[in-house]
Amino acid sequence: MPKIPNTSVVDLVTYYSNSGAYNGGRLAEACAIYEKMIKEDATICLTLSGALTPTGLGGLINQLIKSGLVDFIISTGANLYHDLHFALDLPVHQGDFRANDSELLKEKIVRIYDIFLPEETLLKTDEFVQEVGKNFPSKEAVSTSCFHHYLGEAVCKKAKKPELSVLATAAKCDVPIYTPSPGDSSIGMNLALLKMLKSKVIIDSDLDILETAAIVLNSKKTGAVELGGGAPKNFYMQTQPMLSQIMYIEKGGHDYFIQITTDAPHWGGLSGATPSEAVSWKKINPKMMKNDVVVYCDTTIAAPLLFSYVLSRQHKRKLKRLYTKKEEYLKKLKDNYKK
């Protein structure tokens, strides 16, 4: 290994690979599997749990999207809501997790562990979401990908710094973004207010289930990079049982699987289960079991290394633009079910 001052992220991952030990070794495996997904032209899903965009991870995600290394995203609403702060050029501050929360309350500051958000940031973001929602053109029920695409387009047109937004970048590149629990975020709360005021955006989560299953059905190979677990992870994994168990369409399971998590299976909290357990649900292809890995590490440590590695290797693919193919894919899904 070169001297530390001259070590690149590729050198560091090579060191982890040569060592092969513990979670450094697992991170090196994750880098290799990501490269396999790229070379095999698999349809790659990125799943985001919790609130990761406030950490600044959005910049790397944007680079992956523009390089064709992420084809669709499944995220909590929190990640998308906090993504808007950066595009709207609103304050997001580095704080301290040991701060006195009673004092923060008096100062009208909310805390996400060691990230501080002034109340002004939340209120102005709410105003933006409500403005976009009021102008939403469809009176029909839509999937979350449809509304997020429209929201991303609005960011491109109206925000001061749209280049910082995952929503905006995804909209430009026609990368669909889904939220399994659309009501479980400030975006959902703002849309609920609009519904009460008779200015409706009608979200139909059933359409998300069908659209994501259709994407998987219409892909030669599929894989995911899953940051954390929770609903986003399982929402992606359930696309295979949706096909095999509910629609009697045998796809064989996902071909690649990378998860970065601090959860452990024996506490019952590793949402969507381990890769080996997922085989029994037909979520993962048993023939591809060497193409899966769980990296037990803080996402804010491991994900930047993983993403920086694949970007440093100059990988790039033609954009799949899955958002533009939704209707075509849904028709094929329906036709295959009839068969």
Protein backbone atom coordinates (compact mmCIF):
# COMPACT_ATOMS: atom_id res chain seq x y z
CA MET A 1 0.00 0.00 0.00
CA PRO A 2 1.36 3.50 -0.86
CA LYS A 3 2.23 5.98 1.83
CA ILE A 4 -0.88 7.35 3.51
CA PRO A 5 -0.58 10.98 2.19
CA ASN A 6 -0.70 9.70 -1.42
CA THR A 7 -3.42 7.08 -0.98
CA SER A 8 -6.45 7.36 -3.27
CA VAL A 9 -9.83 5.82 -2.53
CA VAL A 10 -9.01 3.10 -5.09
CA ASP A 11 -5.75 2.36 -3.25
CA LEU A 12 -7.64 2.21 0.02
CA VAL A 13 -10.23 -0.25 -1.33
CA THR A 14 -7.40 -2.34 -2.81
CA TYR A 15 -5.86 -2.47 0.64
CA TYR A 16 -9.18 -3.61 2.11
CA SER A 17 -9.45 -6.25 -0.61
CA ASN A 18 -5.96 -7.57 0.00
CA SER A 19 -6.64 -7.76 3.72
CA GLY A 20 -10.10 -9.24 3.23
CA ALA A 21 -10.78 -8.92 6.94
CA TYR A 22 -13.93 -7.87 8.75
CA ASN A 23 -16.00 -5.05 7.29
CA GLY A 24 -13.10 -3.52 5.39
CA GLY A 25 -13.12 -6.75 3.39
CA ARG A 26 -16.89 -6.56 2.99
CA LEU A 27 -16.63 -2.99 1.71
CA ALA A 28 -14.13 -4.14 -0.92
CA GLU A 29 -16.61 -6.86 -1.92
CA ALA A 30 -19.32 -4.23 -2.23
CA CYS A 31 -17.11 -2.20 -4.57
CA ALA A 32 -16.49 -5.28 -6.73
CA ILE A 33 -20.20 -6.16 -6.85
CA TYR A 34 -21.11 -2.60 -7.84
CA GLU A 35 -18.63 -2.87 -10.70
CA LYS A 36 -20.22 -6.20 -11.74
CA MET A 37 -23.66 -4.56 -11.83
CA ILE A 38 -22.29 -1.81 -14.05
CA LYS A 39 -20.49 -4.19 -16.43
CA GLU A 40 -23.50 -6.53 -16.68
CA ASP A 41 -25.77 -3.52 -17.34
CA ALA A 42 -28.04 -4.47 -14.46
CA THR A 43 -30.87 -2.12 -13.55
CA ILE A 44 -29.55 -0.55 -10.34
CA CYS A 45 -31.82 0.68 -7.56
CA LEU A 46 -30.54 2.91 -4.75
CA THR A 47 -32.55 2.73 -1.52
CA LEU A 48 -32.23 5.43 1.13
CA SER A 49 -33.48 5.06 4.69
CA GLY A 50 -33.66 7.61 7.49
CA ALA A 51 -32.41 11.13 6.80
CA LEU A 52 -29.17 10.83 4.85
CA THR A 53 -29.38 13.83 2.50
CA PRO A 54 -28.80 16.34 5.35
CA THR A 55 -25.32 14.80 5.74
CA GLY A 56 -24.39 16.06 2.27
CA LEU A 57 -24.55 12.65 0.58
CA GLY A 58 -26.69 14.11 -2.20
CA GLY A 59 -23.66 15.39 -4.11
CA LEU A 60 -22.30 11.89 -4.68
CA ILE A 61 -25.77 10.53 -5.48
CA ASN A 62 -26.14 13.22 -8.15
CA GLN A 63 -22.86 12.16 -9.75
CA LEU A 64 -23.98 8.53 -9.79
CA ILE A 65 -27.28 9.47 -11.43
CA LYS A 66 -25.63 11.59 -14.12
CA SER A 67 -23.13 8.80 -14.81
CA GLY A 68 -25.94 6.28 -15.34
CA LEU A 69 -24.95 4.29 -12.25
CA VAL A 70 -28.33 4.61 -10.51
CA ASP A 71 -31.47 3.83 -12.54
CA PHE A 72 -34.20 4.35 -9.93
CA ILE A 73 -34.44 5.31 -6.27
CA ILE A 74 -36.61 4.22 -3.35
CA SER A 75 -36.35 6.61 -0.43
CA THR A 76 -37.98 7.82 2.73
CA GLY A 77 -39.83 11.10 2.33
CA ALA A 78 -37.44 12.68 4.83
CA ASN A 79 -34.50 12.36 2.44
CA LEU A 80 -36.44 14.12 -0.32
CA TYR A 81 -37.75 16.87 1.95
CA HIS A 82 -34.32 17.70 3.36
CA ASP A 83 -32.85 17.51 -0.14
CA LEU A 84 -34.93 20.59 -0.97
CA HIS A 85 -33.15 22.76 1.64
CA PHE A 86 -29.92 22.69 -0.36
CA ALA A 87 -31.61 23.53 -3.67
CA LEU A 88 -33.53 26.40 -2.08
CA ASP A 89 -30.27 27.68 -0.55
CA LEU A 90 -31.66 27.51 2.99
CA PRO A 91 -29.53 27.19 6.14
CA VAL A 92 -28.36 23.71 7.16
CA HIS A 93 -25.76 23.87 9.93
CA GLN A 94 -23.20 21.52 11.45
CA GLY A 95 -24.19 21.17 15.11
CA ASP A 96 -23.33 19.00 18.10
CA PHE A 97 -25.32 15.99 19.33
CA ARG A 98 -24.50 17.03 22.91
CA ALA A 99 -26.38 20.31 22.58
CA ASN A 100 -29.14 21.22 25.02
CA ASP A 101 -32.37 20.51 23.15
CA SER A 102 -34.43 22.72 25.44
CA GLU A 103 -32.17 25.62 24.44
CA LEU A 104 -32.45 24.66 20.78
CA LEU A 105 -36.24 24.70 21.13
CA LYS A 106 -36.11 28.26 22.50
CA GLU A 107 -33.91 29.31 19.59
CA LYS A 108 -36.31 27.64 17.09
CA ILE A 109 -33.72 25.14 15.90
CA VAL A 110 -34.49 21.48 15.19
CA ARG A 111 -31.82 18.80 15.45
CA ILE A 112 -31.07 15.73 13.34
CA TYR A 113 -28.42 14.20 15.59
CA ASP A 114 -25.56 16.66 14.94
CA ILE A 115 -27.20 18.64 12.11
CA PHE A 116 -29.12 21.81 12.99
CA LEU A 117 -32.00 23.25 10.95
CA PRO A 118 -33.45 26.68 11.78
CA GLU A 119 -37.26 26.73 11.82
CA GLU A 120 -37.05 29.19 8.91
CA THR A 121 -35.56 26.42 6.74
CA LEU A 122 -38.51 24.15 7.42
CA LEU A 123 -41.16 26.82 6.91
CA LYS A 124 -39.74 28.02 3.59
CA THR A 125 -39.39 24.45 2.36
CA ASP A 126 -43.02 23.81 3.33
CA GLU A 127 -44.07 26.89 1.36
CA PHE A 128 -42.26 25.57 -1.70
CA VAL A 129 -43.86 22.11 -1.49
CA GLN A 130 -47.31 23.65 -1.06
CA GLU A 131 -46.81 25.99 -4.01
CA VAL A 132 -45.77 23.07 -6.22
CA GLY A 133 -48.63 20.93 -4.95
CA LYS A 134 -51.22 23.62 -5.68
CA ASN A 135 -50.07 23.78 -9.30
CA PHE A 136 -49.90 20.00 -9.83
CA PRO A 137 -51.79 19.44 -13.11
CA SER A 138 -53.25 15.95 -12.66
CA LYS A 139 -56.62 15.41 -10.98
CA GLU A 140 -56.14 11.65 -11.24
CA ALA A 141 -54.38 9.49 -8.68
CA VAL A 142 -50.65 9.24 -9.41
CA SER A 143 -47.66 7.28 -8.18
CA THR A 144 -45.08 8.94 -5.93
CA SER A 145 -42.64 8.83 -8.86
CA CYS A 146 -44.99 11.07 -10.84
CA PHE A 147 -45.23 13.71 -8.12
CA HIS A 148 -41.50 13.56 -7.33
CA HIS A 149 -40.70 14.04 -11.02
CA TYR A 150 -42.94 17.11 -11.10
CA LEU A 151 -41.39 18.38 -7.86
CA GLY A 152 -37.90 17.88 -9.31
CA GLU A 153 -38.86 19.81 -12.44
CA ALA A 154 -40.14 22.65 -10.25
CA VAL A 155 -36.80 22.69 -8.39
CA CYS A 156 -35.00 22.99 -11.74
CA LYS A 157 -37.14 25.99 -12.72
CA LYS A 158 -37.51 27.86 -9.43
CA ALA A 159 -34.75 26.95 -6.94
CA LYS A 160 -31.55 28.96 -6.57
CA LYS A 161 -29.25 25.93 -6.63
CA PRO A 162 -31.02 23.05 -8.40
CA GLU A 163 -27.68 21.39 -9.14
CA LEU A 164 -27.48 20.44 -5.44
CA SER A 165 -30.79 18.54 -5.48
CA VAL A 166 -31.23 14.80 -5.98
CA LEU A 167 -34.86 15.43 -6.95
CA ALA A 168 -33.82 17.89 -9.66
CA THR A 169 -31.02 15.70 -11.00
CA ALA A 170 -33.31 12.66 -11.08
CA ALA A 171 -35.99 14.62 -12.95
CA LYS A 172 -33.45 15.78 -15.55
CA CYS A 173 -32.19 12.23 -16.04
CA ASP A 174 -35.66 10.60 -15.90
CA VAL A 175 -34.70 8.53 -12.85
CA PRO A 176 -37.94 7.65 -11.01
CA ILE A 177 -38.02 8.16 -7.23
CA TYR A 178 -40.47 6.24 -5.04
CA THR A 179 -41.48 6.61 -1.41
CA PRO A 180 -43.04 3.56 0.27
CA SER A 181 -44.69 5.66 3.03
CA PRO A 182 -45.62 8.96 1.36
CA GLY A 183 -47.50 10.22 4.43
CA ASP A 184 -44.51 9.68 6.71
CA SER A 185 -42.66 12.93 5.98
CA SER A 186 -43.08 16.69 5.79
CA ILE A 187 -43.81 16.38 2.07
CA GLY A 188 -46.72 14.10 2.92
CA MET A 189 -47.92 16.44 5.67
CA ASN A 190 -47.95 19.39 3.27
CA LEU A 191 -49.90 17.39 0.68
CA ALA A 192 -52.37 16.39 3.41
CA LEU A 193 -52.97 20.07 4.16
CA LEU A 194 -53.61 20.75 0.49
CA LYS A 195 -56.14 17.91 0.39
CA MET A 196 -58.01 19.47 3.32
CA LEU A 197 -58.05 22.77 1.43
CA LYS A 198 -59.47 21.00 -1.66
CA SER A 199 -56.27 21.49 -3.66
CA LYS A 200 -55.56 17.82 -4.13
CA VAL A 201 -52.54 15.79 -5.09
CA ILE A 202 -53.84 12.23 -4.92
CA ILE A 203 -51.07 9.70 -4.26
CA ASP A 204 -51.79 6.04 -4.95
CA SER A 205 -49.14 3.79 -3.43
CA ASP A 206 -50.55 0.79 -5.27
CA LEU A 207 -49.20 2.34 -8.47
CA ASP A 208 -45.71 2.39 -6.91
CA ILE A 209 -45.94 -1.37 -6.30
CA LEU A 210 -46.91 -1.99 -9.92
CA GLU A 211 -44.36 0.41 -11.41
CA THR A 212 -41.41 -0.99 -9.45
CA ALA A 213 -42.46 -4.57 -10.24
CA ALA A 214 -42.74 -3.59 -13.92
CA ILE A 215 -39.22 -2.15 -13.89
CA VAL A 216 -37.86 -5.40 -12.46
CA LEU A 217 -39.82 -7.54 -14.93
CA ASN A 218 -38.47 -5.54 -17.86
CA SER A 219 -34.84 -5.73 -16.72
CA LYS A 220 -32.42 -8.45 -17.78
CA LYS A 221 -30.61 -8.25 -14.46
CA THR A 222 -31.41 -6.31 -11.29
CA GLY A 223 -29.49 -5.21 -8.25
CA ALA A 224 -29.59 -2.73 -5.40
CA VAL A 225 -27.35 -0.56 -3.28
CA GLU A 226 -29.23 -0.26 -0.02
CA LEU A 227 -28.25 2.38 2.52
CA GLY A 228 -29.75 1.26 5.81
CA GLY A 229 -32.90 -0.85 5.82
CA GLY A 230 -36.47 0.05 6.68
CA ALA A 231 -39.34 0.41 4.25
CA PRO A 232 -37.18 1.50 1.26
CA LYS A 233 -35.15 -1.71 1.45
CA ASN A 234 -38.12 -4.04 1.71
CA PHE A 235 -40.10 -2.11 -0.91
CA TYR A 236 -37.37 -2.91 -3.41
CA MET A 237 -36.95 -6.51 -2.29
CA GLN A 238 -40.69 -7.23 -2.45
CA THR A 239 -40.77 -6.60 -6.21
CA GLN A 240 -39.71 -10.22 -6.71
CA PRO A 241 -42.44 -11.81 -4.50
CA MET A 242 -44.91 -9.43 -6.15
CA LEU A 243 -44.03 -11.06 -9.44
CA SER A 244 -43.64 -14.68 -8.32
CA GLN A 245 -46.12 -14.97 -5.44
CA ILE A 246 -48.88 -12.55 -6.40
CA MET A 247 -48.71 -12.45 -10.22
CA TYR A 248 -47.31 -15.97 -10.91
CA ILE A 249 -44.49 -14.53 -13.01
CA GLU A 250 -41.19 -16.25 -12.25
CA LYS A 251 -38.32 -13.80 -12.54
CA GLY A 252 -35.86 -15.76 -10.37
CA GLY A 253 -34.90 -13.13 -7.80
CA HIS A 254 -32.55 -10.15 -7.82
CA ASP A 255 -29.07 -10.78 -9.15
CA TYR A 256 -27.02 -8.37 -7.01
CA PHE A 257 -27.40 -7.07 -3.49
CA ILE A 258 -25.35 -4.58 -1.47
CA GLN A 259 -26.49 -3.34 1.92
CA ILE A 260 -24.75 -0.97 4.31
CA THR A 261 -26.28 -1.19 7.77
CA THR A 262 -25.58 -1.12 11.49
CA ASP A 263 -28.48 -3.49 12.23
CA ALA A 264 -28.06 -7.16 13.13
CA PRO A 265 -30.43 -10.00 12.18
CA HIS A 266 -30.66 -11.58 15.63
CA TRP A 267 -32.48 -8.52 17.06
CA GLY A 268 -35.18 -8.76 14.37
CA GLY A 269 -34.38 -5.30 13.04
CA LEU A 270 -32.54 -6.10 9.81
CA SER A 271 -35.51 -5.10 7.66
CA GLY A 272 -36.03 -7.30 4.63
CA ALA A 273 -33.70 -9.89 6.17
CA THR A 274 -30.22 -11.09 5.26
CA PRO A 275 -29.42 -12.08 1.66
CA SER A 276 -29.50 -15.78 2.51
CA GLU A 277 -32.92 -15.52 4.16
CA ALA A 278 -34.17 -13.48 1.21
CA VAL A 279 -33.51 -16.49 -1.05
CA SER A 280 -36.38 -18.37 0.61
CA TRP A 281 -38.73 -15.54 -0.40
CA LYS A 282 -37.45 -15.62 -3.98
CA LYS A 283 -36.15 -12.10 -3.41
CA ILE A 284 -32.60 -13.05 -4.37
CA ASN A 285 -31.50 -15.42 -7.09
CA PRO A 286 -29.84 -18.41 -5.35
CA LYS A 287 -27.52 -18.85 -8.34
CA MET A 288 -26.10 -15.37 -7.73
CA MET A 289 -25.37 -15.64 -4.01
CA LYS A 290 -21.71 -14.66 -4.47
CA ASN A 291 -22.98 -11.32 -5.72
CA ASP A 292 -24.37 -10.19 -2.39
CA VAL A 293 -22.80 -8.57 0.65
CA VAL A 294 -23.82 -6.81 3.85
CA VAL A 295 -21.36 -4.19 5.10
CA TYR A 296 -21.92 -3.62 8.81
CA CYS A 297 -20.85 -0.01 9.05
CA ASP A 298 -22.17 3.53 9.51
CA THR A 299 -23.57 4.63 6.15
CA THR A 300 -21.89 8.04 6.40
CA ILE A 301 -18.53 6.21 6.46
CA ALA A 302 -19.03 3.37 3.99
CA ALA A 303 -21.31 4.90 1.34
CA PRO A 304 -18.97 7.80 0.40
CA LEU A 305 -16.12 5.30 0.03
CA LEU A 306 -18.23 2.96 -2.12
CA PHE A 307 -19.56 5.76 -4.33
CA SER A 308 -16.21 7.52 -4.63
CA TYR A 309 -14.61 4.22 -5.65
CA VAL A 310 -16.97 3.53 -8.58
CA LEU A 311 -16.80 7.16 -9.70
CA SER A 312 -13.00 7.18 -9.45
CA ARG A 313 -12.91 4.14 -11.71
CA GLN A 314 -14.51 6.32 -14.41
CA HIS A 315 -17.52 4.06 -14.87
CA LYS A 316 -20.28 5.54 -17.01
CA ARG A 317 -23.36 4.13 -18.74
CA LYS A 318 -26.04 5.44 -21.04
CA LEU A 319 -29.02 6.68 -19.01
CA LYS A 320 -31.88 4.17 -18.96
CA ARG A 321 -34.46 6.95 -18.45
CA LEU A 322 -36.92 4.55 -16.83
CA TYR A 323 -39.41 7.31 -16.01
CA THR A 324 -40.22 7.68 -19.71
CA LYS A 325 -40.85 3.92 -20.05
CA LYS A 326 -43.42 3.48 -17.27
CA GLU A 327 -46.49 3.00 -19.45
CA GLU A 328 -44.72 0.57 -21.77
CA TYR A 329 -43.44 -1.47 -18.82
CA LEU A 330 -46.82 -1.51 -17.08
CA LYS A 331 -48.48 -2.85 -20.22
CA LYS A 332 -45.92 -5.66 -20.39
CA LEU A 333 -46.55 -6.43 -16.72
CA LYS A 334 -50.27 -6.73 -17.33
CA ASP A 335 -49.77 -8.84 -20.46
CA ASN A 336 -47.45 -11.23 -18.62
CA TYR A 337 -49.96 -11.64 -15.79
CA LYS A 338 -52.69 -12.55 -18.26
CA LYS A 339 -50.46 -15.25 -19.72
